[in-house]
Amino acid sequence: MSKYKLEYIWLDGYVPEPNLRGKTKIVSEEPTSHTDCPEWGFDGSSTQQAEGHDSDCILNPVRLYPDATRKNGYLVLCEVMKPDGNPHPSNFRAKVIDDETAWFGMEQEYFMMREGRPLGFPEFGYPGPQGKYYTGVGYEQVGDIARKVADEHLELCIEAGIEHEGINAEVAKGQWEFQVFSKGARQMGDDLWMARYLLMRNCEKYHINIEFHCKPLTGDWNGSGMHTNFSTKYLREVGGKEYFEKLMDAFDRNRDEHIAAYGPDNHMRLTGLHETQSIDKFSWGVADRGASIRVPHSFIKNDYKGYLEDRRPNSQADPYKILGRILKTIDEVPTS
């Protein structure tokens, strides 16, 4: 009789942002969707989600992905619930007021680290300055292992059914990026968290850690962002200059609320340098990577219809918080 390996994956209760957790359940029946996966439990006192005297937390499956690294393997993304069936306070996925007609593309930047320093950094001092590393090719630019890691991650995501859109070496030495596209905020958040999980797990065999902090290097080095491209059905099909300007006013008005959702230590990254706007300002600009919101040329040429890019979210942020905040602000702007 065949056995199936289900890796239950969830987010813990650590702050300011959660960590991924996982454990394996063996079952005799092959699941075809997350609804075929039973609820499971775990010790919340070991994940900052419960006290030791009342430690049971519930894993509620919400998404199923094939796991290409295991025979008969699946990845089961779960929400954390309290024993009474209500969402745990750490469960931000359950708090998202979703719009399944909204489209999102998230650009996840990160550093590959070994022995406490980015890949390609010498034991003492620094490599050459930024400039040649972005989308670079060759050993001096990307080293001997980083591209292999990024390529393997790309394949794992595709095998899992994630809409992985691409990869590239980034501006700083040892810094890379992958992009994911999804429709709906929950689907986007699910796929992004699962893509992070696959990256981190695959790096275990290379003794590489993935650093998601937005500014792991001081000095003249780019920080890591998670630029978030977004559109709604109205923005794609109707749009218009008047609506766009009202939308930007709403983003400006909610600047502090957005920054609060866009990841910890963002003041270290949003300095007005290294392709960022200052954290205490809001701006938009056509093709301007130094603005809070970058407006593509195609958006303007198409009568203010299409997608926009919020460049403020950082690499460590919880995508559910980012997307929930974006949708909440959009909802404030009337469409008629």
C-alpha atoms as a PDB file:
ATOM      1  CA  MET A   1       0.000   0.000   0.000  1.00  0.00           C
ATOM      2  CA  SER A   2       1.312   3.444  -0.970  1.00  0.00           C
ATOM      3  CA  LYS A   3       1.961   6.024   1.704  1.00  0.00           C
ATOM      4  CA  TYR A   4       1.789   9.772   1.159  1.00  0.00           C
ATOM      5  CA  LYS A   5       3.940  12.345   2.902  1.00  0.00           C
ATOM      6  CA  LEU A   6       2.117  15.554   3.781  1.00  0.00           C
ATOM      7  CA  GLU A   7       4.311  18.401   5.000  1.00  0.00           C
ATOM      8  CA  TYR A   8       2.045  20.630   7.096  1.00  0.00           C
ATOM      9  CA  ILE A   9       3.395  24.189   6.971  1.00  0.00           C
ATOM     10  CA  TRP A  10       2.271  27.154   9.057  1.00  0.00           C
ATOM     11  CA  LEU A  11       3.350  30.542  10.414  1.00  0.00           C
ATOM     12  CA  ASP A  12       4.361  30.869  14.048  1.00  0.00           C
ATOM     13  CA  GLY A  13       3.622  33.689  16.496  1.00  0.00           C
ATOM     14  CA  TYR A  14       6.989  35.424  16.536  1.00  0.00           C
ATOM     15  CA  VAL A  15       7.071  39.197  16.088  1.00  0.00           C
ATOM     16  CA  PRO A  16       7.568  41.507  14.324  1.00  0.00           C
ATOM     17  CA  GLU A  17       7.122  38.917  11.551  1.00  0.00           C
ATOM     18  CA  PRO A  18       6.430  35.180  11.736  1.00  0.00           C
ATOM     19  CA  ASN A  19       8.677  32.254  10.875  1.00  0.00           C
ATOM     20  CA  LEU A  20       7.757  29.225   8.822  1.00  0.00           C
ATOM     21  CA  ARG A  21       7.247  25.919  10.618  1.00  0.00           C
ATOM     22  CA  GLY A  22       6.601  22.426   9.271  1.00  0.00           C
ATOM     23  CA  LYS A  23       6.123  18.797  10.233  1.00  0.00           C
ATOM     24  CA  THR A  24       5.275  15.659   8.259  1.00  0.00           C
ATOM     25  CA  LYS A  25       2.101  13.573   8.429  1.00  0.00           C
ATOM     26  CA  ILE A  26       1.917  10.139   6.774  1.00  0.00           C
ATOM     27  CA  VAL A  27      -1.434   9.116   5.271  1.00  0.00           C
ATOM     28  CA  SER A  28      -2.700   6.200   3.180  1.00  0.00           C
ATOM     29  CA  GLU A  29      -4.961   8.135   0.789  1.00  0.00           C
ATOM     30  CA  GLU A  30      -3.604  10.536  -1.818  1.00  0.00           C
ATOM     31  CA  PRO A  31      -5.117  14.025  -1.416  1.00  0.00           C
ATOM     32  CA  THR A  32      -6.515  15.847  -4.433  1.00  0.00           C
ATOM     33  CA  SER A  33      -7.089  19.158  -2.624  1.00  0.00           C
ATOM     34  CA  HIS A  34      -6.539  20.703   0.778  1.00  0.00           C
ATOM     35  CA  THR A  35     -10.039  19.580   1.783  1.00  0.00           C
ATOM     36  CA  ASP A  36      -8.779  15.981   1.725  1.00  0.00           C
ATOM     37  CA  CYS A  37      -6.190  16.805   4.386  1.00  0.00           C
ATOM     38  CA  PRO A  38      -7.358  16.409   7.988  1.00  0.00           C
ATOM     39  CA  GLU A  39      -6.874  19.037  10.645  1.00  0.00           C
ATOM     40  CA  TRP A  40      -3.826  18.452  12.809  1.00  0.00           C
ATOM     41  CA  GLY A  41      -2.422  19.896  16.024  1.00  0.00           C
ATOM     42  CA  PHE A  42       0.858  21.205  17.392  1.00  0.00           C
ATOM     43  CA  ASP A  43       2.423  22.557  20.564  1.00  0.00           C
ATOM     44  CA  GLY A  44       1.789  26.287  20.436  1.00  0.00           C
ATOM     45  CA  SER A  45       3.903  26.879  23.551  1.00  0.00           C
ATOM     46  CA  SER A  46       6.985  26.196  21.398  1.00  0.00           C
ATOM     47  CA  THR A  47       5.987  28.672  18.671  1.00  0.00           C
ATOM     48  CA  GLN A  48       4.909  31.743  20.682  1.00  0.00           C
ATOM     49  CA  GLN A  49       1.247  30.851  20.091  1.00  0.00           C
ATOM     50  CA  ALA A  50       0.132  29.381  23.445  1.00  0.00           C
ATOM     51  CA  GLU A  51       1.038  28.915  27.098  1.00  0.00           C
ATOM     52  CA  GLY A  52       2.398  25.598  28.316  1.00  0.00           C
ATOM     53  CA  HIS A  53      -0.629  24.915  30.516  1.00  0.00           C
ATOM     54  CA  ASP A  54      -2.978  25.187  27.498  1.00  0.00           C
ATOM     55  CA  SER A  55      -0.737  24.593  24.509  1.00  0.00           C
ATOM     56  CA  ASP A  56      -2.863  22.942  21.811  1.00  0.00           C
ATOM     57  CA  CYS A  57      -3.236  24.810  18.510  1.00  0.00           C
ATOM     58  CA  ILE A  58      -4.997  23.565  15.387  1.00  0.00           C
ATOM     59  CA  LEU A  59      -3.640  23.396  11.821  1.00  0.00           C
ATOM     60  CA  ASN A  60      -6.407  24.025   9.293  1.00  0.00           C
ATOM     61  CA  PRO A  61      -5.311  23.129   5.721  1.00  0.00           C
ATOM     62  CA  VAL A  62      -6.019  25.884   3.185  1.00  0.00           C
ATOM     63  CA  ARG A  63      -3.814  25.072   0.165  1.00  0.00           C
ATOM     64  CA  LEU A  64      -2.214  21.935  -1.320  1.00  0.00           C
ATOM     65  CA  TYR A  65       0.961  21.878  -3.441  1.00  0.00           C
ATOM     66  CA  PRO A  66       2.869  18.961  -5.000  1.00  0.00           C
ATOM     67  CA  ASP A  67       6.299  18.421  -3.405  1.00  0.00           C
ATOM     68  CA  ALA A  68       8.828  17.508  -6.103  1.00  0.00           C
ATOM     69  CA  THR A  69      11.511  16.643  -3.533  1.00  0.00           C
ATOM     70  CA  ARG A  70       9.650  13.655  -2.067  1.00  0.00           C
ATOM     71  CA  LYS A  71       8.123  10.536  -3.556  1.00  0.00           C
ATOM     72  CA  ASN A  72       4.367  10.782  -2.973  1.00  0.00           C
ATOM     73  CA  GLY A  73       4.949  14.140  -1.316  1.00  0.00           C
ATOM     74  CA  TYR A  74       2.685  17.143  -0.845  1.00  0.00           C
ATOM     75  CA  LEU A  75       3.002  20.511   0.872  1.00  0.00           C
ATOM     76  CA  VAL A  76      -0.038  21.500   2.954  1.00  0.00           C
ATOM     77  CA  LEU A  77      -0.248  25.193   3.821  1.00  0.00           C
ATOM     78  CA  CYS A  78      -2.280  25.728   6.985  1.00  0.00           C
ATOM     79  CA  GLU A  79      -3.895  28.499   8.983  1.00  0.00           C
ATOM     80  CA  VAL A  80      -3.467  28.377  12.743  1.00  0.00           C
ATOM     81  CA  MET A  81      -6.741  28.125  14.651  1.00  0.00           C
ATOM     82  CA  LYS A  82      -7.635  28.076  18.342  1.00  0.00           C
ATOM     83  CA  PRO A  83      -9.204  24.913  19.763  1.00  0.00           C
ATOM     84  CA  ASP A  84     -12.620  26.624  19.670  1.00  0.00           C
ATOM     85  CA  GLY A  85     -12.331  26.898  15.875  1.00  0.00           C
ATOM     86  CA  ASN A  86     -11.676  30.642  15.695  1.00  0.00           C
ATOM     87  CA  PRO A  87      -8.571  32.055  13.992  1.00  0.00           C
ATOM     88  CA  HIS A  88      -5.539  32.435  16.246  1.00  0.00           C
ATOM     89  CA  PRO A  89      -4.524  36.096  16.812  1.00  0.00           C
ATOM     90  CA  SER A  90      -1.332  35.413  14.820  1.00  0.00           C
ATOM     91  CA  ASN A  91      -3.396  34.307  11.799  1.00  0.00           C
ATOM     92  CA  PHE A  92      -3.295  37.385   9.555  1.00  0.00           C
ATOM     93  CA  ARG A  93      -4.466  35.410   6.538  1.00  0.00           C
ATOM     94  CA  ALA A  94      -7.910  35.132   8.131  1.00  0.00           C
ATOM     95  CA  LYS A  95      -8.053  38.916   8.585  1.00  0.00           C
ATOM     96  CA  VAL A  96      -7.656  39.766   4.889  1.00  0.00           C
ATOM     97  CA  ILE A  97     -10.782  41.137   3.211  1.00  0.00           C
ATOM     98  CA  ASP A  98     -10.040  39.603  -0.172  1.00  0.00           C
ATOM     99  CA  ASP A  99     -10.835  40.568  -3.748  1.00  0.00           C
ATOM    100  CA  GLU A 100     -10.334  37.601  -6.057  1.00  0.00           C
ATOM    101  CA  THR A 101     -10.433  39.882  -9.113  1.00  0.00           C
ATOM    102  CA  ALA A 102      -7.340  41.706  -7.849  1.00  0.00           C
ATOM    103  CA  TRP A 103      -4.057  40.684  -9.465  1.00  0.00           C
ATOM    104  CA  PHE A 104      -0.732  40.838  -7.660  1.00  0.00           C
ATOM    105  CA  GLY A 105       2.916  40.381  -8.535  1.00  0.00           C
ATOM    106  CA  MET A 106       5.422  40.370  -5.678  1.00  0.00           C
ATOM    107  CA  GLU A 107       9.175  40.754  -6.156  1.00  0.00           C
ATOM    108  CA  GLN A 108      10.949  38.970  -3.301  1.00  0.00           C
ATOM    109  CA  GLU A 109      14.527  40.121  -2.761  1.00  0.00           C
ATOM    110  CA  TYR A 110      16.847  38.273  -0.368  1.00  0.00           C
ATOM    111  CA  PHE A 111      20.490  37.609   0.463  1.00  0.00           C
ATOM    112  CA  MET A 112      22.150  34.206   0.367  1.00  0.00           C
ATOM    113  CA  MET A 113      24.357  33.973   3.463  1.00  0.00           C
ATOM    114  CA  ARG A 114      27.057  31.621   4.650  1.00  0.00           C
ATOM    115  CA  GLU A 115      29.042  31.961   7.883  1.00  0.00           C
ATOM    116  CA  GLY A 116      27.352  35.270   8.598  1.00  0.00           C
ATOM    117  CA  ARG A 117      28.165  37.064   5.355  1.00  0.00           C
ATOM    118  CA  PRO A 118      26.632  37.237   1.866  1.00  0.00           C
ATOM    119  CA  LEU A 119      27.896  34.783  -0.729  1.00  0.00           C
ATOM    120  CA  GLY A 120      30.871  36.299  -2.521  1.00  0.00           C
ATOM    121  CA  PHE A 121      31.955  38.505   0.373  1.00  0.00           C
ATOM    122  CA  PRO A 122      35.534  37.905   1.534  1.00  0.00           C
ATOM    123  CA  GLU A 123      36.167  36.805   5.117  1.00  0.00           C
ATOM    124  CA  PHE A 124      37.409  40.295   5.899  1.00  0.00           C
ATOM    125  CA  GLY A 125      36.388  43.515   4.180  1.00  0.00           C
ATOM    126  CA  TYR A 126      34.121  43.894   1.189  1.00  0.00           C
ATOM    127  CA  PRO A 127      33.951  42.948  -2.485  1.00  0.00           C
ATOM    128  CA  GLY A 128      33.994  45.572  -5.218  1.00  0.00           C
ATOM    129  CA  PRO A 129      31.257  48.229  -5.162  1.00  0.00           C
ATOM    130  CA  GLN A 130      27.747  47.774  -6.555  1.00  0.00           C
ATOM    131  CA  GLY A 131      27.230  48.124 -10.269  1.00  0.00           C
ATOM    132  CA  LYS A 132      28.256  44.911 -11.986  1.00  0.00           C
ATOM    133  CA  TYR A 133      26.280  42.445  -9.859  1.00  0.00           C
ATOM    134  CA  TYR A 134      22.739  43.336 -10.943  1.00  0.00           C
ATOM    135  CA  THR A 135      21.625  40.764 -13.555  1.00  0.00           C
ATOM    136  CA  GLY A 136      25.308  39.849 -13.773  1.00  0.00           C
ATOM    137  CA  VAL A 137      26.855  36.756 -15.306  1.00  0.00           C
ATOM    138  CA  GLY A 138      30.173  35.094 -14.570  1.00  0.00           C
ATOM    139  CA  TYR A 139      31.981  33.859 -11.488  1.00  0.00           C
ATOM    140  CA  GLU A 140      33.182  37.309 -10.383  1.00  0.00           C
ATOM    141  CA  GLN A 141      29.634  38.657 -10.476  1.00  0.00           C
ATOM    142  CA  VAL A 142      27.562  35.781  -9.049  1.00  0.00           C
ATOM    143  CA  GLY A 143      30.009  33.200  -7.703  1.00  0.00           C
ATOM    144  CA  ASP A 144      29.875  29.420  -8.038  1.00  0.00           C
ATOM    145  CA  ILE A 145      26.642  28.375  -6.334  1.00  0.00           C
ATOM    146  CA  ALA A 146      24.082  31.223  -6.188  1.00  0.00           C
ATOM    147  CA  ARG A 147      22.681  30.707  -9.685  1.00  0.00           C
ATOM    148  CA  LYS A 148      22.360  26.971  -9.066  1.00  0.00           C
ATOM    149  CA  VAL A 149      20.364  27.673  -5.907  1.00  0.00           C
ATOM    150  CA  ALA A 150      18.085  30.179  -7.667  1.00  0.00           C
ATOM    151  CA  ASP A 151      17.533  27.850 -10.636  1.00  0.00           C
ATOM    152  CA  GLU A 152      16.665  24.894  -8.415  1.00  0.00           C
ATOM    153  CA  HIS A 153      14.218  27.061  -6.497  1.00  0.00           C
ATOM    154  CA  LEU A 154      12.606  28.138  -9.758  1.00  0.00           C
ATOM    155  CA  GLU A 155      12.030  24.504 -10.742  1.00  0.00           C
ATOM    156  CA  LEU A 156      10.643  23.547  -7.329  1.00  0.00           C
ATOM    157  CA  CYS A 157       8.113  26.379  -7.470  1.00  0.00           C
ATOM    158  CA  ILE A 158       6.997  25.468 -10.976  1.00  0.00           C
ATOM    159  CA  GLU A 159       6.588  21.820  -9.955  1.00  0.00           C
ATOM    160  CA  ALA A 160       4.483  22.988  -6.994  1.00  0.00           C
ATOM    161  CA  GLY A 161       2.138  24.915  -9.295  1.00  0.00           C
ATOM    162  CA  ILE A 162       3.260  28.347  -8.106  1.00  0.00           C
ATOM    163  CA  GLU A 163       3.176  31.068 -10.777  1.00  0.00           C
ATOM    164  CA  HIS A 164       6.886  31.786 -10.458  1.00  0.00           C
ATOM    165  CA  GLU A 165       7.576  34.579 -12.944  1.00  0.00           C
ATOM    166  CA  GLY A 166      11.373  34.752 -12.955  1.00  0.00           C
ATOM    167  CA  ILE A 167      14.690  35.262 -11.156  1.00  0.00           C
ATOM    168  CA  ASN A 168      17.668  37.592 -11.340  1.00  0.00           C
ATOM    169  CA  ALA A 169      20.802  38.532  -9.472  1.00  0.00           C
ATOM    170  CA  GLU A 170      20.217  41.828  -7.646  1.00  0.00           C
ATOM    171  CA  VAL A 171      22.213  45.010  -7.052  1.00  0.00           C
ATOM    172  CA  ALA A 172      24.277  43.924  -4.038  1.00  0.00           C
ATOM    173  CA  LYS A 173      26.727  41.033  -4.052  1.00  0.00           C
ATOM    174  CA  GLY A 174      24.989  37.853  -2.902  1.00  0.00           C
ATOM    175  CA  GLN A 175      21.524  39.407  -3.326  1.00  0.00           C
ATOM    176  CA  TRP A 176      18.891  37.756  -5.542  1.00  0.00           C
ATOM    177  CA  GLU A 177      15.224  38.133  -6.409  1.00  0.00           C
ATOM    178  CA  PHE A 178      12.313  35.972  -7.504  1.00  0.00           C
ATOM    179  CA  GLN A 179       8.877  37.072  -8.655  1.00  0.00           C
ATOM    180  CA  VAL A 180       5.487  35.447  -8.074  1.00  0.00           C
ATOM    181  CA  PHE A 181       2.125  36.291  -9.674  1.00  0.00           C
ATOM    182  CA  SER A 182      -1.298  35.351  -8.286  1.00  0.00           C
ATOM    183  CA  LYS A 183      -4.940  36.406  -8.440  1.00  0.00           C
ATOM    184  CA  GLY A 184      -6.490  37.283  -5.090  1.00  0.00           C
ATOM    185  CA  ALA A 185      -4.707  38.369  -1.932  1.00  0.00           C
ATOM    186  CA  ARG A 186      -4.926  35.059  -0.087  1.00  0.00           C
ATOM    187  CA  GLN A 187      -3.687  33.063  -3.087  1.00  0.00           C
ATOM    188  CA  MET A 188      -0.835  35.548  -3.500  1.00  0.00           C
ATOM    189  CA  GLY A 189       0.125  35.359   0.157  1.00  0.00           C
ATOM    190  CA  ASP A 190      -0.109  31.563   0.134  1.00  0.00           C
ATOM    191  CA  ASP A 191       2.111  31.216  -2.924  1.00  0.00           C
ATOM    192  CA  LEU A 192       4.681  33.713  -1.662  1.00  0.00           C
ATOM    193  CA  TRP A 193       5.012  32.006   1.719  1.00  0.00           C
ATOM    194  CA  MET A 194       5.288  28.612   0.037  1.00  0.00           C
ATOM    195  CA  ALA A 195       7.948  29.938  -2.351  1.00  0.00           C
ATOM    196  CA  ARG A 196       9.900  31.208   0.661  1.00  0.00           C
ATOM    197  CA  TYR A 197       9.580  27.801   2.313  1.00  0.00           C
ATOM    198  CA  LEU A 198      10.877  25.976  -0.764  1.00  0.00           C
ATOM    199  CA  LEU A 199      13.836  28.344  -1.039  1.00  0.00           C
ATOM    200  CA  MET A 200      14.836  28.008   2.597  1.00  0.00           C
ATOM    201  CA  ARG A 201      14.417  24.235   2.685  1.00  0.00           C
ATOM    202  CA  ASN A 202      16.417  23.719  -0.509  1.00  0.00           C
ATOM    203  CA  CYS A 203      19.291  25.807   0.870  1.00  0.00           C
ATOM    204  CA  GLU A 204      19.765  23.473   3.835  1.00  0.00           C
ATOM    205  CA  LYS A 205      21.843  21.059   1.728  1.00  0.00           C
ATOM    206  CA  TYR A 206      24.178  23.891   0.674  1.00  0.00           C
ATOM    207  CA  HIS A 207      24.698  25.207   4.221  1.00  0.00           C
ATOM    208  CA  ILE A 208      23.220  28.507   3.030  1.00  0.00           C
ATOM    209  CA  ASN A 209      20.897  30.702   5.075  1.00  0.00           C
ATOM    210  CA  ILE A 210      18.381  33.019   3.439  1.00  0.00           C
ATOM    211  CA  GLU A 211      18.381  36.508   4.933  1.00  0.00           C
ATOM    212  CA  PHE A 212      15.095  38.338   4.418  1.00  0.00           C
ATOM    213  CA  HIS A 213      15.925  41.349   6.612  1.00  0.00           C
ATOM    214  CA  CYS A 214      15.552  44.534   4.603  1.00  0.00           C
ATOM    215  CA  LYS A 215      18.976  45.964   5.426  1.00  0.00           C
ATOM    216  CA  PRO A 216      21.491  43.313   6.509  1.00  0.00           C
ATOM    217  CA  LEU A 217      24.419  45.396   5.232  1.00  0.00           C
ATOM    218  CA  THR A 218      25.264  48.936   6.293  1.00  0.00           C
ATOM    219  CA  GLY A 219      27.011  51.338   3.960  1.00  0.00           C
ATOM    220  CA  ASP A 220      26.579  51.803   0.217  1.00  0.00           C
ATOM    221  CA  TRP A 221      24.641  48.598  -0.390  1.00  0.00           C
ATOM    222  CA  ASN A 222      21.057  48.243  -1.544  1.00  0.00           C
ATOM    223  CA  GLY A 223      18.529  46.961   0.929  1.00  0.00           C
ATOM    224  CA  SER A 224      16.021  44.244   0.078  1.00  0.00           C
ATOM    225  CA  GLY A 225      12.459  45.031  -0.868  1.00  0.00           C
ATOM    226  CA  MET A 226       9.350  43.168  -1.874  1.00  0.00           C
ATOM    227  CA  HIS A 227       7.946  45.510  -4.498  1.00  0.00           C
ATOM    228  CA  THR A 228       4.245  44.798  -4.885  1.00  0.00           C
ATOM    229  CA  ASN A 229       2.548  45.211  -8.250  1.00  0.00           C
ATOM    230  CA  PHE A 230      -1.228  45.400  -8.046  1.00  0.00           C
ATOM    231  CA  SER A 231      -4.345  45.976 -10.082  1.00  0.00           C
ATOM    232  CA  THR A 232      -8.067  45.552  -9.609  1.00  0.00           C
ATOM    233  CA  LYS A 233     -10.681  44.784 -12.234  1.00  0.00           C
ATOM    234  CA  TYR A 234     -11.724  48.444 -12.166  1.00  0.00           C
ATOM    235  CA  LEU A 235      -8.151  49.674 -12.500  1.00  0.00           C
ATOM    236  CA  ARG A 236      -7.534  47.367 -15.460  1.00  0.00           C
ATOM    237  CA  GLU A 237     -10.792  47.992 -17.325  1.00  0.00           C
ATOM    238  CA  VAL A 238     -11.926  51.527 -16.392  1.00  0.00           C
ATOM    239  CA  GLY A 239      -9.226  53.476 -14.551  1.00  0.00           C
ATOM    240  CA  GLY A 240      -8.921  57.072 -15.667  1.00  0.00           C
ATOM    241  CA  LYS A 241      -6.849  60.024 -14.496  1.00  0.00           C
ATOM    242  CA  GLU A 242      -9.415  61.270 -11.976  1.00  0.00           C
ATOM    243  CA  TYR A 243      -9.751  57.867 -10.319  1.00  0.00           C
ATOM    244  CA  PHE A 244      -5.970  57.397 -10.282  1.00  0.00           C
ATOM    245  CA  GLU A 245      -5.395  60.755  -8.572  1.00  0.00           C
ATOM    246  CA  LYS A 246      -8.022  59.955  -5.921  1.00  0.00           C
ATOM    247  CA  LEU A 247      -6.355  56.579  -5.403  1.00  0.00           C
ATOM    248  CA  MET A 248      -2.959  58.222  -4.894  1.00  0.00           C
ATOM    249  CA  ASP A 249      -4.544  60.662  -2.431  1.00  0.00           C
ATOM    250  CA  ALA A 250      -5.835  57.675  -0.454  1.00  0.00           C
ATOM    251  CA  PHE A 251      -2.403  56.049  -0.422  1.00  0.00           C
ATOM    252  CA  ASP A 252      -0.902  59.337   0.763  1.00  0.00           C
ATOM    253  CA  ARG A 253      -3.548  59.722   3.452  1.00  0.00           C
ATOM    254  CA  ASN A 254      -2.863  56.192   4.718  1.00  0.00           C
ATOM    255  CA  ARG A 255       0.926  56.442   4.503  1.00  0.00           C
ATOM    256  CA  ASP A 256       1.532  55.546   8.151  1.00  0.00           C
ATOM    257  CA  GLU A 257      -0.829  52.574   8.020  1.00  0.00           C
ATOM    258  CA  HIS A 258       0.959  51.241   4.948  1.00  0.00           C
ATOM    259  CA  ILE A 259       4.397  51.635   6.498  1.00  0.00           C
ATOM    260  CA  ALA A 260       3.188  49.767   9.598  1.00  0.00           C
ATOM    261  CA  ALA A 261       2.190  46.816   7.389  1.00  0.00           C
ATOM    262  CA  TYR A 262       5.222  46.874   5.122  1.00  0.00           C
ATOM    263  CA  GLY A 263       7.791  45.153   7.321  1.00  0.00           C
ATOM    264  CA  PRO A 264      10.111  45.847  10.268  1.00  0.00           C
ATOM    265  CA  ASP A 265      13.122  48.186  10.230  1.00  0.00           C
ATOM    266  CA  ASN A 266      11.981  49.803   6.998  1.00  0.00           C
ATOM    267  CA  HIS A 267      13.494  53.094   8.169  1.00  0.00           C
ATOM    268  CA  MET A 268      16.876  51.501   7.509  1.00  0.00           C
ATOM    269  CA  ARG A 269      15.925  50.879   3.876  1.00  0.00           C
ATOM    270  CA  LEU A 270      13.558  53.738   2.957  1.00  0.00           C
ATOM    271  CA  THR A 271      16.131  56.515   3.190  1.00  0.00           C
ATOM    272  CA  GLY A 272      15.656  58.281  -0.131  1.00  0.00           C
ATOM    273  CA  LEU A 273      18.778  56.529  -1.425  1.00  0.00           C
ATOM    274  CA  HIS A 274      19.308  53.238  -3.253  1.00  0.00           C
ATOM    275  CA  GLU A 275      16.125  53.507  -5.336  1.00  0.00           C
ATOM    276  CA  THR A 276      13.787  54.358  -2.450  1.00  0.00           C
ATOM    277  CA  GLN A 277      11.632  57.251  -1.254  1.00  0.00           C
ATOM    278  CA  SER A 278      12.103  58.427   2.340  1.00  0.00           C
ATOM    279  CA  ILE A 279       9.919  56.625   4.851  1.00  0.00           C
ATOM    280  CA  ASP A 280       8.255  59.879   5.973  1.00  0.00           C
ATOM    281  CA  LYS A 281       7.193  60.929   2.472  1.00  0.00           C
ATOM    282  CA  PHE A 282       4.764  59.698  -0.157  1.00  0.00           C
ATOM    283  CA  SER A 283       5.222  60.243  -3.867  1.00  0.00           C
ATOM    284  CA  TRP A 284       4.360  58.699  -7.195  1.00  0.00           C
ATOM    285  CA  GLY A 285       6.158  59.049 -10.486  1.00  0.00           C
ATOM    286  CA  VAL A 286       6.184  57.634 -13.992  1.00  0.00           C
ATOM    287  CA  ALA A 287       8.974  55.047 -14.233  1.00  0.00           C
ATOM    288  CA  ASP A 288      10.424  56.534 -11.027  1.00  0.00           C
ATOM    289  CA  ARG A 289      12.126  53.904  -8.867  1.00  0.00           C
ATOM    290  CA  GLY A 290      12.789  56.542  -6.262  1.00  0.00           C
ATOM    291  CA  ALA A 291       9.067  57.094  -5.712  1.00  0.00           C
ATOM    292  CA  SER A 292       6.729  55.358  -3.273  1.00  0.00           C
ATOM    293  CA  ILE A 293       4.523  54.270  -6.183  1.00  0.00           C
ATOM    294  CA  ARG A 294       6.073  53.647  -9.588  1.00  0.00           C
ATOM    295  CA  VAL A 295       3.645  54.262 -12.447  1.00  0.00           C
ATOM    296  CA  PRO A 296       4.523  52.354 -15.633  1.00  0.00           C
ATOM    297  CA  HIS A 297       4.605  54.235 -18.935  1.00  0.00           C
ATOM    298  CA  SER A 298       2.090  51.702 -20.233  1.00  0.00           C
ATOM    299  CA  PHE A 299      -0.385  52.771 -17.537  1.00  0.00           C
ATOM    300  CA  ILE A 300      -0.370  56.405 -18.666  1.00  0.00           C
ATOM    301  CA  LYS A 301      -0.448  55.513 -22.375  1.00  0.00           C
ATOM    302  CA  ASN A 302      -3.465  53.275 -21.754  1.00  0.00           C
ATOM    303  CA  ASP A 303      -5.585  56.115 -20.332  1.00  0.00           C
ATOM    304  CA  TYR A 304      -4.559  55.412 -16.740  1.00  0.00           C
ATOM    305  CA  LYS A 305      -5.476  51.725 -16.865  1.00  0.00           C
ATOM    306  CA  GLY A 306      -3.356  48.758 -15.854  1.00  0.00           C
ATOM    307  CA  TYR A 307      -1.201  48.069 -12.802  1.00  0.00           C
ATOM    308  CA  LEU A 308       0.840  50.076 -10.295  1.00  0.00           C
ATOM    309  CA  GLU A 309       3.901  49.192  -8.227  1.00  0.00           C
ATOM    310  CA  ASP A 310       4.215  49.972  -4.524  1.00  0.00           C
ATOM    311  CA  ARG A 311       7.954  50.005  -3.864  1.00  0.00           C
ATOM    312  CA  ARG A 312       7.787  50.437  -0.088  1.00  0.00           C
ATOM    313  CA  PRO A 313       7.104  46.887   1.183  1.00  0.00           C
ATOM    314  CA  ASN A 314      10.282  45.252   2.403  1.00  0.00           C
ATOM    315  CA  SER A 315      11.657  41.773   1.967  1.00  0.00           C
ATOM    316  CA  GLN A 316      10.777  40.501   5.446  1.00  0.00           C
ATOM    317  CA  ALA A 317       7.156  41.668   5.469  1.00  0.00           C
ATOM    318  CA  ASP A 318       4.198  39.314   5.782  1.00  0.00           C
ATOM    319  CA  PRO A 319       2.471  39.386   2.353  1.00  0.00           C
ATOM    320  CA  TYR A 320      -0.962  38.974   3.948  1.00  0.00           C
ATOM    321  CA  LYS A 321      -0.454  42.255   5.827  1.00  0.00           C
ATOM    322  CA  ILE A 322       0.792  44.065   2.713  1.00  0.00           C
ATOM    323  CA  LEU A 323      -2.010  42.903   0.453  1.00  0.00           C
ATOM    324  CA  GLY A 324      -4.714  43.392   3.045  1.00  0.00           C
ATOM    325  CA  ARG A 325      -3.609  47.003   3.568  1.00  0.00           C
ATOM    326  CA  ILE A 326      -3.456  47.733  -0.165  1.00  0.00           C
ATOM    327  CA  LEU A 327      -6.973  46.378  -0.710  1.00  0.00           C
ATOM    328  CA  LYS A 328      -8.303  48.298   2.292  1.00  0.00           C
ATOM    329  CA  THR A 329      -6.981  51.584   0.896  1.00  0.00           C
ATOM    330  CA  ILE A 330      -8.309  50.854  -2.591  1.00  0.00           C
ATOM    331  CA  ASP A 331     -11.725  50.128  -1.067  1.00  0.00           C
ATOM    332  CA  GLU A 332     -11.842  53.705   0.296  1.00  0.00           C
ATOM    333  CA  VAL A 333     -11.929  55.177  -3.224  1.00  0.00           C
ATOM    334  CA  PRO A 334     -15.363  55.258  -4.900  1.00  0.00           C
ATOM    335  CA  THR A 335     -15.560  53.874  -8.432  1.00  0.00           C
ATOM    336  CA  SER A 336     -18.631  55.822  -9.514  1.00  0.00           C
END
